[in-house]
Amino acid sequence: MSDKEFADFARIAPQRSIITTDLGQVGMPHPVDGMRRCILALLENGLAQKQVDFMVRINPAQLVGLSVSE
């Protein structure tokens, strides 16, 4: 899947989506580096910072019961 295709998919309902990583296995990039690359790809392909915040910060925090200011 290209970065553009991924961004198009993520754009559908960011307020109801979560993006995470399964990186970190031997031979794979560090999870933090992978998440940074993912976030940059989303922003470079037209998603707004607020949409990205929903998927990588706000929604995951709410899922585990943390309060997060939007």
N, C-alpha and C. Protein backbone atom coordinates (compact mmCIF):
# COMPACT_ATOMS: atom_id res chain seq x y z
N MET A 1 0.86 -1.16 0.00
CA MET A 1 0.00 0.00 0.00
C MET A 1 0.91 1.23 0.00
N SER A 2 0.61 2.18 -0.85
CA SER A 2 1.39 3.42 -0.90
C SER A 2 0.98 4.35 0.24
N ASP A 3 1.83 5.34 0.50
CA ASP A 3 1.50 6.33 1.54
C ASP A 3 0.20 7.05 1.21
N LYS A 4 -0.03 7.34 -0.07
CA LYS A 4 -1.26 8.04 -0.46
C LYS A 4 -2.48 7.15 -0.20
N GLU A 5 -2.38 5.88 -0.57
CA GLU A 5 -3.49 4.96 -0.32
C GLU A 5 -3.78 4.83 1.18
N PHE A 6 -2.73 4.76 1.97
CA PHE A 6 -2.90 4.68 3.42
C PHE A 6 -3.58 5.93 3.95
N ALA A 7 -3.14 7.10 3.48
CA ALA A 7 -3.75 8.37 3.91
C ALA A 7 -5.21 8.44 3.49
N ASP A 8 -5.52 7.99 2.29
CA ASP A 8 -6.91 7.99 1.83
C ASP A 8 -7.77 7.11 2.73
N PHE A 9 -7.24 5.96 3.12
CA PHE A 9 -7.96 5.06 4.01
C PHE A 9 -8.12 5.68 5.40
N ALA A 10 -7.06 6.28 5.93
CA ALA A 10 -7.10 6.89 7.27
C ALA A 10 -8.05 8.08 7.33
N ARG A 11 -8.25 8.73 6.21
CA ARG A 11 -9.09 9.93 6.13
C ARG A 11 -10.58 9.61 6.31
N ILE A 12 -10.97 8.36 6.16
CA ILE A 12 -12.38 7.97 6.18
C ILE A 12 -13.05 8.36 7.49
N ALA A 13 -12.49 7.99 8.63
CA ALA A 13 -13.11 8.30 9.92
C ALA A 13 -12.04 8.40 11.02
N PRO A 14 -11.19 9.40 10.96
CA PRO A 14 -10.12 9.50 11.96
C PRO A 14 -10.64 9.62 13.39
N GLN A 15 -11.81 10.18 13.57
CA GLN A 15 -12.37 10.32 14.91
C GLN A 15 -12.79 8.97 15.50
N ARG A 16 -12.77 7.93 14.67
CA ARG A 16 -13.15 6.58 15.13
C ARG A 16 -12.06 5.56 14.86
N SER A 17 -10.84 6.01 14.59
CA SER A 17 -9.76 5.11 14.21
C SER A 17 -8.56 5.25 15.13
N ILE A 18 -7.76 4.21 15.16
CA ILE A 18 -6.52 4.21 15.92
C ILE A 18 -5.42 3.69 15.01
N ILE A 19 -4.26 4.33 15.07
CA ILE A 19 -3.10 3.85 14.34
C ILE A 19 -2.05 3.46 15.36
N THR A 20 -1.52 2.26 15.18
CA THR A 20 -0.48 1.75 16.06
C THR A 20 0.58 1.06 15.21
N THR A 21 1.55 0.47 15.83
CA THR A 21 2.61 -0.19 15.10
C THR A 21 2.89 -1.56 15.69
N ASP A 22 3.34 -2.46 14.85
CA ASP A 22 3.81 -3.75 15.35
C ASP A 22 5.31 -3.87 15.09
N LEU A 23 5.97 -2.74 14.88
CA LEU A 23 7.41 -2.74 14.68
C LEU A 23 8.12 -3.07 15.98
N GLY A 24 9.42 -3.28 15.87
CA GLY A 24 10.21 -3.56 17.05
C GLY A 24 10.80 -4.96 17.05
N GLN A 25 10.36 -5.79 16.12
CA GLN A 25 10.96 -7.11 16.02
C GLN A 25 12.39 -6.97 15.47
N VAL A 26 13.19 -7.98 15.67
CA VAL A 26 14.56 -7.99 15.17
C VAL A 26 14.55 -7.71 13.67
N GLY A 27 15.39 -6.80 13.25
CA GLY A 27 15.51 -6.47 11.83
C GLY A 27 14.52 -5.43 11.34
N MET A 28 13.61 -5.01 12.20
CA MET A 28 12.61 -4.00 11.82
C MET A 28 12.99 -2.66 12.46
N PRO A 29 12.44 -1.56 11.92
CA PRO A 29 12.71 -0.26 12.53
C PRO A 29 12.18 -0.18 13.96
N HIS A 30 12.73 0.73 14.73
CA HIS A 30 12.24 0.98 16.09
C HIS A 30 10.81 1.51 15.98
N PRO A 31 9.92 1.11 16.90
CA PRO A 31 8.52 1.55 16.83
C PRO A 31 8.35 3.07 16.80
N VAL A 32 9.15 3.80 17.54
CA VAL A 32 9.04 5.26 17.54
C VAL A 32 9.38 5.83 16.17
N ASP A 33 10.43 5.29 15.55
CA ASP A 33 10.80 5.74 14.20
C ASP A 33 9.70 5.42 13.19
N GLY A 34 9.11 4.24 13.32
CA GLY A 34 8.03 3.86 12.42
C GLY A 34 6.81 4.73 12.59
N MET A 35 6.47 5.07 13.83
CA MET A 35 5.31 5.93 14.07
C MET A 35 5.57 7.33 13.53
N ARG A 36 6.79 7.83 13.72
CA ARG A 36 7.13 9.15 13.15
C ARG A 36 6.95 9.15 11.63
N ARG A 37 7.44 8.11 10.99
CA ARG A 37 7.33 8.02 9.54
C ARG A 37 5.87 7.98 9.12
N CYS A 38 5.08 7.22 9.85
CA CYS A 38 3.64 7.11 9.56
C CYS A 38 2.96 8.47 9.69
N ILE A 39 3.22 9.17 10.78
CA ILE A 39 2.60 10.49 11.00
C ILE A 39 3.01 11.46 9.91
N LEU A 40 4.29 11.49 9.57
CA LEU A 40 4.75 12.39 8.50
C LEU A 40 4.09 12.05 7.17
N ALA A 41 3.96 10.76 6.87
CA ALA A 41 3.32 10.35 5.61
C ALA A 41 1.87 10.82 5.58
N LEU A 42 1.16 10.70 6.70
CA LEU A 42 -0.23 11.15 6.74
C LEU A 42 -0.32 12.66 6.52
N LEU A 43 0.53 13.41 7.20
CA LEU A 43 0.52 14.87 7.05
C LEU A 43 0.91 15.29 5.64
N GLU A 44 1.92 14.63 5.09
CA GLU A 44 2.37 14.97 3.72
C GLU A 44 1.33 14.62 2.67
N ASN A 45 0.41 13.73 3.01
CA ASN A 45 -0.63 13.33 2.06
C ASN A 45 -1.99 13.94 2.38
N GLY A 46 -1.96 15.07 3.08
CA GLY A 46 -3.15 15.89 3.19
C GLY A 46 -4.00 15.77 4.43
N LEU A 47 -3.66 14.90 5.37
CA LEU A 47 -4.45 14.86 6.60
C LEU A 47 -4.09 16.05 7.47
N ALA A 48 -5.06 16.56 8.17
CA ALA A 48 -4.83 17.67 9.09
C ALA A 48 -4.23 17.14 10.39
N GLN A 49 -3.49 17.99 11.08
CA GLN A 49 -2.89 17.60 12.34
C GLN A 49 -3.95 17.07 13.31
N LYS A 50 -5.12 17.69 13.33
CA LYS A 50 -6.20 17.27 14.22
C LYS A 50 -6.64 15.83 13.91
N GLN A 51 -6.71 15.48 12.63
CA GLN A 51 -7.08 14.12 12.25
C GLN A 51 -6.04 13.12 12.75
N VAL A 52 -4.77 13.46 12.59
CA VAL A 52 -3.69 12.60 13.05
C VAL A 52 -3.74 12.48 14.58
N ASP A 53 -3.98 13.60 15.26
CA ASP A 53 -4.07 13.58 16.73
C ASP A 53 -5.15 12.61 17.20
N PHE A 54 -6.29 12.59 16.52
CA PHE A 54 -7.34 11.65 16.89
C PHE A 54 -6.82 10.21 16.84
N MET A 55 -6.13 9.86 15.77
CA MET A 55 -5.74 8.47 15.54
C MET A 55 -4.56 8.01 16.36
N VAL A 56 -3.65 8.90 16.72
CA VAL A 56 -2.45 8.46 17.43
C VAL A 56 -2.36 8.96 18.87
N ARG A 57 -3.25 9.85 19.28
CA ARG A 57 -3.15 10.40 20.63
C ARG A 57 -4.50 10.35 21.37
N ILE A 58 -5.51 10.98 20.83
CA ILE A 58 -6.79 11.12 21.54
C ILE A 58 -7.53 9.79 21.66
N ASN A 59 -7.78 9.11 20.55
CA ASN A 59 -8.53 7.85 20.58
C ASN A 59 -7.83 6.76 21.39
N PRO A 60 -6.51 6.56 21.21
CA PRO A 60 -5.86 5.53 22.04
C PRO A 60 -5.94 5.84 23.54
N ALA A 61 -5.77 7.11 23.92
CA ALA A 61 -5.85 7.48 25.33
C ALA A 61 -7.24 7.20 25.89
N GLN A 62 -8.27 7.56 25.13
CA GLN A 62 -9.64 7.31 25.59
C GLN A 62 -9.92 5.81 25.70
N LEU A 63 -9.36 5.03 24.81
CA LEU A 63 -9.56 3.59 24.82
C LEU A 63 -9.07 2.96 26.12
N VAL A 64 -7.99 3.49 26.69
CA VAL A 64 -7.46 2.94 27.93
C VAL A 64 -7.89 3.74 29.15
N GLY A 65 -8.84 4.67 28.97
CA GLY A 65 -9.43 5.37 30.08
C GLY A 65 -8.70 6.62 30.56
N LEU A 66 -7.84 7.17 29.73
CA LEU A 66 -7.14 8.40 30.08
C LEU A 66 -7.91 9.59 29.53
N SER A 67 -7.88 10.69 30.25
CA SER A 67 -8.50 11.90 29.71
C SER A 67 -7.44 12.69 28.96
N VAL A 68 -7.82 13.17 27.79
CA VAL A 68 -6.92 13.93 26.94
C VAL A 68 -7.64 15.17 26.45
N SER A 69 -6.98 16.30 26.53
CA SER A 69 -7.60 17.51 26.00
C SER A 69 -7.41 17.53 24.49
N GLU A 70 -8.45 17.93 23.81
CA GLU A 70 -8.39 18.01 22.35
C GLU A 70 -7.88 19.36 22.02
